[in-house]
Amino acid sequence: MFEMFVSTIKDIAVNSGFANISWQQAVMLIVSCVLLYLAIVKQFEPLLLLPIAFGMLLANIPVAALNSHSEGSLLYYLYQGVKLGIYPPLIFLGVGSMTDFGPLIANPKSFILGAAAQVGIFITFFGALALGFEPAEAGSIGIIGGADGPTAIFTTSKLAPHLLGAIAVAAYSYMALVPVIQPPIMKLLTTKKERAVVMQQLRPVSKREKIIFPIVVTIIVSFIVPDATALVGMLMLGNLMRECGVVDRLTKTANNELMNIVTIFLGVTVGATATAENFLTLQTLQIIVLGVIAFGFGTAFGVIFGKIMYIATGGKVNPLIGSAGVSAVPMAARVSQRVGQQENPTNFLLMHAMGPNVAGVIGSAVAAGVLINVLTPYVK
């Protein structure tokens, strides 16, 4: 009996994670704990960074084989929602149901700023090509510049699923760092006079306009870029539900229970793709560097086009709202507001910045559709 007991203990020890852990897995466990710290203590995009970090932790536990590619595991089945492109559009449904499109409708010129902020996506695409990435991989990396996590995940799942873990971590990390990354760029590209500009109050937007807008945008965008229909269509459906006033129960479900459930599944399964062999590579480091470049260029071009509008309107447009053209809703708009108030405490830019911010969400989805359409033939 004693020998059997000893043998059993030995078998448990030999088959335990402690006896089978590699240094790469140990590093990934440390990385996941750092991300958990940032999500919990620093509150960097905690709603998604926390489940992503915990999914990464689960994926790198030795022997357990609990990652998104281990067929038969719980996370493998949940991951099908990412692989099949289900979760990101559902997130967009929730975003649309929570967001007021009024500022964009009241000031359609905001579309220009939202489009300008997507330039960083395509600059980074060519930069990634220059570093030796395949075209489909370069497109997935470039989309980080849109500062829209669900869009980055949706695009990467179509073009380069093997990069999903690194791109998701980069995308959500930079979204969380919007208040840190954007202000220096905004101040570098604008003068004190420009930052202090007080913009005129936006005109009231009627209920009829708010109802017609999502329908028209869905039709136009879907006809021009069919591959963006899943994202833009669900975004607009959510907003139509919000504005029509006849489906309050559905609206509350979309922006509460449904969005929360999908966020958990999306975060954990995407994090579980970041296994040691996929994540601890030179490619991952390059993706992280290219991601911040993409985000920086997106912010810069939004501000530059804001300056152009400032000149064209005779100083009526504050260039700071251009930085909100990236898709981090509503964080980027709040940053525009904060930087503007630093120069002029009476300034109130939030609603003006929400126009480019919403336009950026639409713009990043359209950019994703373009990349998917053009680069799908290059997928290996």
Protein backbone atom coordinates (compact mmCIF):
# COMPACT_ATOMS: atom_id res chain seq x y z
CA MET A 1 0.00 0.00 0.00
CA PHE A 2 2.78 2.39 0.87
CA GLU A 3 4.50 1.72 -2.49
CA MET A 4 1.24 2.34 -4.32
CA PHE A 5 0.79 5.59 -2.43
CA VAL A 6 4.33 6.70 -3.32
CA SER A 7 3.81 5.70 -6.95
CA THR A 8 0.57 7.69 -7.12
CA ILE A 9 2.24 10.77 -5.67
CA LYS A 10 5.08 10.43 -8.20
CA ASP A 11 2.61 10.13 -11.09
CA ILE A 12 0.75 13.25 -9.93
CA ALA A 13 4.04 15.15 -9.61
CA VAL A 14 5.33 14.02 -13.02
CA ASN A 15 2.07 14.95 -14.73
CA SER A 16 1.62 18.25 -12.92
CA GLY A 17 2.16 21.65 -14.45
CA PHE A 18 5.12 22.29 -12.17
CA ALA A 19 7.05 19.41 -13.75
CA ASN A 20 6.12 20.28 -17.33
CA ILE A 21 6.29 24.06 -17.52
CA SER A 22 8.63 25.62 -20.08
CA TRP A 23 10.35 28.96 -19.66
CA GLN A 24 8.18 30.34 -22.48
CA GLN A 25 5.02 29.40 -20.63
CA ALA A 26 6.42 30.92 -17.44
CA VAL A 27 7.04 34.20 -19.30
CA MET A 28 3.50 34.17 -20.70
CA LEU A 29 2.05 33.61 -17.25
CA ILE A 30 4.00 36.64 -16.02
CA VAL A 31 2.75 38.69 -19.00
CA SER A 32 -0.84 37.67 -18.26
CA CYS A 33 -0.43 38.70 -14.61
CA VAL A 34 0.96 42.09 -15.69
CA LEU A 35 -2.06 42.60 -17.94
CA LEU A 36 -4.37 41.62 -15.09
CA TYR A 37 -2.62 44.21 -12.91
CA LEU A 38 -3.11 46.88 -15.58
CA ALA A 39 -6.79 45.96 -15.93
CA ILE A 40 -7.60 45.76 -12.22
CA VAL A 41 -5.29 48.29 -10.57
CA LYS A 42 -4.71 50.79 -13.39
CA GLN A 43 -8.16 50.18 -14.95
CA PHE A 44 -6.80 50.07 -18.52
CA GLU A 45 -9.84 48.95 -20.58
CA PRO A 46 -10.72 46.46 -17.81
CA LEU A 47 -13.90 45.15 -19.43
CA LEU A 48 -11.87 43.51 -22.17
CA LEU A 49 -8.29 43.51 -20.96
CA LEU A 50 -9.19 41.47 -17.87
CA PRO A 51 -10.84 38.55 -19.75
CA ILE A 52 -8.11 38.68 -22.42
CA ALA A 53 -5.40 38.46 -19.75
CA PHE A 54 -7.15 35.61 -17.95
CA GLY A 55 -7.67 33.75 -21.23
CA MET A 56 -3.93 34.12 -21.83
CA LEU A 57 -3.25 32.71 -18.37
CA LEU A 58 -5.49 29.68 -19.03
CA ALA A 59 -3.89 29.02 -22.42
CA ASN A 60 -0.39 28.83 -20.95
CA ILE A 61 -1.03 26.51 -18.02
CA PRO A 62 1.08 23.39 -18.75
CA VAL A 63 -0.66 20.09 -19.59
CA ALA A 64 -4.18 21.59 -19.30
CA ALA A 65 -4.42 22.15 -23.10
CA LEU A 66 -7.05 24.82 -22.50
CA ASN A 67 -6.52 27.19 -25.41
CA SER A 68 -8.60 28.31 -28.36
CA HIS A 69 -7.03 25.75 -30.68
CA SER A 70 -7.29 22.66 -28.44
CA GLU A 71 -10.17 20.81 -30.07
CA GLY A 72 -12.69 19.55 -27.56
CA SER A 73 -11.91 22.17 -24.90
CA LEU A 74 -14.43 24.74 -23.68
CA LEU A 75 -12.45 27.64 -25.12
CA TYR A 76 -12.16 25.90 -28.50
CA TYR A 77 -15.94 25.90 -28.87
CA LEU A 78 -16.37 29.44 -27.56
CA TYR A 79 -13.64 30.57 -29.97
CA GLN A 80 -15.83 29.61 -32.93
CA GLY A 81 -17.69 32.85 -32.32
CA VAL A 82 -14.47 34.71 -33.12
CA LYS A 83 -13.44 32.42 -35.96
CA LEU A 84 -16.83 32.70 -37.64
CA GLY A 85 -17.00 36.48 -37.15
CA ILE A 86 -19.95 36.44 -34.74
CA TYR A 87 -18.75 38.26 -31.61
CA PRO A 88 -17.37 41.56 -33.06
CA PRO A 89 -20.61 42.47 -34.91
CA LEU A 90 -22.58 41.75 -31.74
CA ILE A 91 -20.27 44.12 -29.86
CA PHE A 92 -21.03 46.71 -32.54
CA LEU A 93 -24.75 46.12 -31.96
CA GLY A 94 -24.25 47.07 -28.32
CA VAL A 95 -22.06 50.08 -29.17
CA GLY A 96 -24.69 51.38 -31.59
CA SER A 97 -27.44 51.01 -29.00
CA MET A 98 -25.44 53.10 -26.49
CA THR A 99 -24.20 55.87 -28.80
CA ASP A 100 -25.84 59.13 -29.78
CA PHE A 101 -25.18 59.81 -33.48
CA GLY A 102 -26.71 63.30 -33.16
CA PRO A 103 -23.40 65.23 -33.15
CA LEU A 104 -22.36 63.54 -36.41
CA ILE A 105 -25.74 64.22 -38.04
CA ALA A 106 -25.63 67.84 -36.87
CA ASN A 107 -22.14 68.33 -38.32
CA PRO A 108 -21.64 66.00 -41.33
CA LYS A 109 -18.20 67.54 -41.93
CA SER A 110 -17.12 65.32 -39.04
CA PHE A 111 -17.03 62.46 -41.53
CA ILE A 112 -13.90 64.06 -43.03
CA LEU A 113 -12.11 63.94 -39.68
CA GLY A 114 -13.21 60.36 -39.07
CA ALA A 115 -11.89 59.35 -42.49
CA ALA A 116 -8.63 61.26 -42.02
CA ALA A 117 -7.88 59.38 -38.81
CA GLN A 118 -7.94 56.09 -40.75
CA VAL A 119 -4.90 57.13 -42.81
CA GLY A 120 -2.69 55.61 -40.11
CA ILE A 121 -4.14 52.19 -40.98
CA PHE A 122 -2.85 52.29 -44.54
CA ILE A 123 0.50 53.90 -43.70
CA THR A 124 1.14 51.10 -41.20
CA PHE A 125 -0.01 48.52 -43.75
CA PHE A 126 2.79 49.55 -46.09
CA GLY A 127 5.23 49.73 -43.16
CA ALA A 128 4.38 46.15 -42.22
CA LEU A 129 4.90 45.04 -45.82
CA ALA A 130 8.32 46.69 -45.77
CA LEU A 131 9.22 44.66 -42.66
CA GLY A 132 8.46 41.43 -44.49
CA PHE A 133 4.93 40.65 -43.31
CA GLU A 134 2.59 38.97 -45.78
CA PRO A 135 -0.11 41.27 -47.25
CA ALA A 136 -2.91 39.69 -45.19
CA GLU A 137 -0.83 39.99 -42.01
CA ALA A 138 0.03 43.61 -42.82
CA GLY A 139 -3.65 44.45 -43.21
CA SER A 140 -4.43 42.94 -39.81
CA ILE A 141 -1.62 44.93 -38.20
CA GLY A 142 -2.62 48.18 -39.88
CA ILE A 143 -6.18 48.01 -38.56
CA ILE A 144 -4.82 48.56 -35.04
CA GLY A 145 -4.55 52.21 -36.08
CA GLY A 146 -8.33 52.46 -36.07
CA ALA A 147 -8.24 52.08 -32.25
CA ASP A 148 -11.22 49.75 -32.42
CA GLY A 149 -10.69 46.39 -30.73
CA PRO A 150 -13.69 44.50 -32.19
CA THR A 151 -12.81 45.70 -35.70
CA ALA A 152 -9.20 44.61 -35.25
CA ILE A 153 -10.33 41.18 -34.04
CA PHE A 154 -12.87 40.82 -36.86
CA THR A 155 -10.30 41.73 -39.52
CA THR A 156 -7.56 39.54 -38.07
CA SER A 157 -9.87 36.53 -37.73
CA LYS A 158 -10.48 36.81 -41.48
CA LEU A 159 -6.97 37.59 -42.67
CA ALA A 160 -4.38 36.36 -40.14
CA PRO A 161 -5.91 34.36 -37.25
CA HIS A 162 -2.45 33.20 -36.09
CA LEU A 163 -1.71 36.83 -35.11
CA LEU A 164 -4.96 37.30 -33.20
CA GLY A 165 -3.50 37.22 -29.68
CA ALA A 166 -0.76 39.76 -30.34
CA ILE A 167 -3.02 42.11 -32.32
CA ALA A 168 -5.83 41.97 -29.74
CA VAL A 169 -3.46 42.75 -26.87
CA ALA A 170 -1.87 45.61 -28.85
CA ALA A 171 -5.23 47.04 -29.95
CA TYR A 172 -6.80 47.07 -26.49
CA SER A 173 -3.62 48.24 -24.79
CA TYR A 174 -3.41 51.28 -27.05
CA MET A 175 -7.13 51.96 -26.65
CA ALA A 176 -6.53 52.05 -22.91
CA LEU A 177 -3.57 54.38 -23.41
CA VAL A 178 -5.51 56.96 -25.46
CA PRO A 179 -5.23 59.58 -22.64
CA VAL A 180 -1.45 59.04 -22.57
CA ILE A 181 -0.59 58.73 -26.28
CA GLN A 182 -2.84 61.35 -27.83
CA PRO A 183 -2.25 64.62 -25.87
CA PRO A 184 1.47 65.02 -26.79
CA ILE A 185 0.64 64.54 -30.49
CA MET A 186 -2.29 66.95 -30.26
CA LYS A 187 -0.21 69.64 -28.58
CA LEU A 188 2.71 69.16 -30.97
CA LEU A 189 0.54 69.76 -34.03
CA THR A 190 -1.55 72.68 -32.75
CA THR A 191 -0.97 76.15 -31.38
CA LYS A 192 -2.31 77.50 -28.10
CA LYS A 193 -4.65 79.76 -30.07
CA GLU A 194 -6.06 76.83 -32.03
CA ARG A 195 -6.56 74.72 -28.91
CA ALA A 196 -8.48 77.54 -27.23
CA VAL A 197 -11.07 77.91 -30.02
CA VAL A 198 -14.65 77.79 -28.71
CA MET A 199 -16.99 76.16 -31.22
CA GLN A 200 -20.61 77.17 -31.76
CA GLN A 201 -23.32 74.99 -30.28
CA LEU A 202 -24.52 72.21 -32.58
CA ARG A 203 -28.00 72.47 -34.07
CA PRO A 204 -30.76 70.28 -32.63
CA VAL A 205 -31.26 67.01 -34.50
CA SER A 206 -34.82 65.75 -35.02
CA LYS A 207 -35.97 62.25 -34.17
CA ARG A 208 -36.80 61.67 -37.83
CA GLU A 209 -33.19 62.43 -38.83
CA LYS A 210 -31.87 60.05 -36.16
CA ILE A 211 -34.12 57.26 -37.44
CA ILE A 212 -33.34 57.78 -41.13
CA PHE A 213 -29.57 58.13 -40.64
CA PRO A 214 -28.71 54.51 -39.67
CA ILE A 215 -30.89 53.13 -42.47
CA VAL A 216 -29.28 55.34 -45.12
CA VAL A 217 -25.73 54.70 -43.86
CA THR A 218 -26.30 50.94 -43.89
CA ILE A 219 -27.51 50.99 -47.48
CA ILE A 220 -24.77 53.29 -48.79
CA VAL A 221 -21.84 51.63 -46.98
CA SER A 222 -23.05 48.10 -47.74
CA PHE A 223 -23.37 48.84 -51.44
CA ILE A 224 -19.93 50.43 -51.62
CA VAL A 225 -18.05 48.03 -49.30
CA PRO A 226 -20.06 44.80 -48.90
CA ASP A 227 -17.42 43.27 -46.61
CA ALA A 228 -18.12 45.99 -44.03
CA THR A 229 -21.84 45.17 -43.87
CA ALA A 230 -21.62 42.87 -40.83
CA LEU A 231 -19.96 45.53 -38.67
CA VAL A 232 -21.67 48.66 -39.98
CA GLY A 233 -25.05 46.95 -40.28
CA MET A 234 -25.06 45.79 -36.66
CA LEU A 235 -23.79 49.18 -35.46
CA MET A 236 -26.63 50.91 -37.28
CA LEU A 237 -29.22 48.35 -36.14
CA GLY A 238 -28.24 49.03 -32.54
CA ASN A 239 -28.55 52.77 -33.08
CA LEU A 240 -31.89 52.42 -34.88
CA MET A 241 -33.21 50.39 -31.95
CA ARG A 242 -32.08 53.18 -29.61
CA GLU A 243 -33.61 56.03 -31.60
CA CYS A 244 -36.90 54.58 -32.84
CA GLY A 245 -38.26 54.29 -29.29
CA VAL A 246 -40.42 51.21 -29.90
CA VAL A 247 -38.05 48.41 -28.81
CA ASP A 248 -36.76 49.55 -25.43
CA ARG A 249 -36.44 45.96 -24.14
CA LEU A 250 -34.27 44.98 -27.10
CA THR A 251 -32.15 48.11 -26.72
CA LYS A 252 -31.52 47.41 -23.03
CA THR A 253 -30.65 43.79 -23.78
CA ALA A 254 -28.24 44.80 -26.57
CA ASN A 255 -26.29 47.29 -24.48
CA ASN A 256 -26.37 45.33 -21.22
CA GLU A 257 -26.84 41.56 -21.00
CA LEU A 258 -25.93 40.64 -24.59
CA MET A 259 -22.93 42.93 -24.82
CA ASN A 260 -21.60 41.82 -21.44
CA ILE A 261 -21.91 38.11 -22.30
CA VAL A 262 -20.27 38.54 -25.69
CA THR A 263 -17.50 40.66 -24.16
CA ILE A 264 -16.62 37.84 -21.76
CA PHE A 265 -16.58 35.18 -24.51
CA LEU A 266 -14.64 37.41 -26.91
CA GLY A 267 -12.02 38.47 -24.38
CA VAL A 268 -11.31 35.05 -22.89
CA THR A 269 -11.12 33.20 -26.21
CA VAL A 270 -8.98 35.83 -27.92
CA GLY A 271 -6.64 35.83 -24.93
CA ALA A 272 -6.47 32.05 -25.13
CA THR A 273 -4.96 32.28 -28.63
CA ALA A 274 -1.85 33.90 -27.10
CA THR A 275 0.06 30.71 -26.39
CA ALA A 276 3.81 30.89 -25.83
CA GLU A 277 4.70 29.58 -29.29
CA ASN A 278 2.44 32.14 -30.99
CA PHE A 279 3.15 35.14 -28.78
CA LEU A 280 6.84 35.07 -27.85
CA THR A 281 8.17 35.89 -31.30
CA LEU A 282 9.90 38.76 -33.08
CA GLN A 283 6.65 39.26 -34.97
CA THR A 284 4.81 40.11 -31.75
CA LEU A 285 7.35 42.80 -30.86
CA GLN A 286 7.06 44.23 -34.37
CA ILE A 287 3.26 44.21 -34.13
CA ILE A 288 3.35 46.12 -30.83
CA VAL A 289 5.70 48.74 -32.30
CA LEU A 290 3.72 49.03 -35.54
CA GLY A 291 0.51 49.29 -33.53
CA VAL A 292 1.60 52.41 -31.66
CA ILE A 293 2.88 53.89 -34.94
CA ALA A 294 -0.51 53.23 -36.55
CA PHE A 295 -2.32 54.82 -33.64
CA GLY A 296 0.01 57.81 -33.64
CA PHE A 297 -0.44 58.43 -37.35
CA GLY A 298 -4.22 58.10 -37.02
CA THR A 299 -4.28 60.74 -34.29
CA ALA A 300 -1.89 63.01 -36.21
CA PHE A 301 -3.84 62.94 -39.48
CA GLY A 302 -7.09 63.61 -37.64
CA VAL A 303 -5.54 66.71 -36.03
CA ILE A 304 -3.95 67.84 -39.32
CA PHE A 305 -7.30 67.70 -41.11
CA GLY A 306 -8.79 69.51 -38.13
CA LYS A 307 -6.25 72.29 -38.74
CA ILE A 308 -7.25 72.38 -42.40
CA MET A 309 -10.89 72.80 -41.36
CA TYR A 310 -9.81 75.47 -38.86
CA ILE A 311 -8.22 77.45 -41.71
CA ALA A 312 -11.08 76.79 -44.17
CA THR A 313 -13.72 77.99 -41.69
CA GLY A 314 -11.81 81.05 -40.59
CA GLY A 315 -11.00 79.68 -37.15
CA LYS A 316 -14.42 78.27 -36.26
CA VAL A 317 -13.28 74.65 -35.87
CA ASN A 318 -11.03 73.56 -33.01
CA PRO A 319 -8.43 71.18 -34.53
CA LEU A 320 -8.39 69.11 -31.33
CA ILE A 321 -11.65 67.41 -32.30
CA GLY A 322 -9.80 65.77 -35.20
CA SER A 323 -7.93 63.50 -32.77
CA ALA A 324 -11.29 61.95 -31.85
CA GLY A 325 -11.50 60.54 -35.38
CA VAL A 326 -10.01 57.31 -34.07
CA SER A 327 -12.65 54.85 -32.93
CA ALA A 328 -12.08 54.71 -29.17
CA VAL A 329 -15.61 55.81 -28.21
CA PRO A 330 -16.07 57.93 -26.14
CA MET A 331 -12.57 58.05 -24.65
CA ALA A 332 -10.97 59.91 -27.57
CA ALA A 333 -13.71 62.55 -27.47
CA ARG A 334 -13.10 63.03 -23.74
CA VAL A 335 -9.39 63.54 -24.40
CA SER A 336 -10.24 66.29 -26.92
CA GLN A 337 -12.45 67.89 -24.29
CA ARG A 338 -9.77 67.69 -21.59
CA VAL A 339 -6.94 69.10 -23.71
CA GLY A 340 -9.19 71.92 -24.92
CA GLN A 341 -10.16 72.87 -21.38
CA GLN A 342 -6.51 73.02 -20.36
CA GLU A 343 -6.16 76.01 -22.68
CA ASN A 344 -9.61 77.47 -22.12
CA PRO A 345 -11.51 76.31 -18.99
CA THR A 346 -14.81 77.57 -20.47
CA ASN A 347 -14.43 75.44 -23.59
CA PHE A 348 -16.74 72.48 -24.11
CA LEU A 349 -15.66 70.28 -27.02
CA LEU A 350 -17.13 66.92 -26.00
CA MET A 351 -20.22 66.94 -28.21
CA HIS A 352 -18.26 68.42 -31.13
CA ALA A 353 -15.65 65.67 -30.74
CA MET A 354 -18.30 62.95 -30.61
CA GLY A 355 -19.06 63.62 -34.30
CA PRO A 356 -15.58 62.60 -35.51
CA ASN A 357 -15.53 59.86 -32.88
CA VAL A 358 -18.66 58.19 -34.27
CA ALA A 359 -17.41 58.81 -37.81
CA GLY A 360 -14.20 57.03 -36.81
CA VAL A 361 -16.14 53.92 -35.76
CA ILE A 362 -17.83 53.85 -39.16
CA GLY A 363 -14.56 54.69 -40.91
CA SER A 364 -12.62 51.89 -39.22
CA ALA A 365 -15.34 49.39 -40.16
CA VAL A 366 -15.21 50.58 -43.78
CA ALA A 367 -11.40 50.36 -43.77
CA ALA A 368 -11.69 46.81 -42.42
CA GLY A 369 -14.11 45.93 -45.21
CA VAL A 370 -11.73 47.32 -47.83
CA LEU A 371 -8.78 45.39 -46.41
CA ILE A 372 -10.76 42.15 -46.22
CA ASN A 373 -11.99 42.56 -49.78
CA VAL A 374 -8.57 43.34 -51.22
CA LEU A 375 -6.42 40.99 -49.13
CA THR A 376 -8.55 37.84 -48.83
CA PRO A 377 -6.88 36.33 -51.94
CA TYR A 378 -3.55 36.57 -50.08
CA VAL A 379 -4.73 34.57 -47.04
CA LYS A 380 -2.69 31.38 -46.63
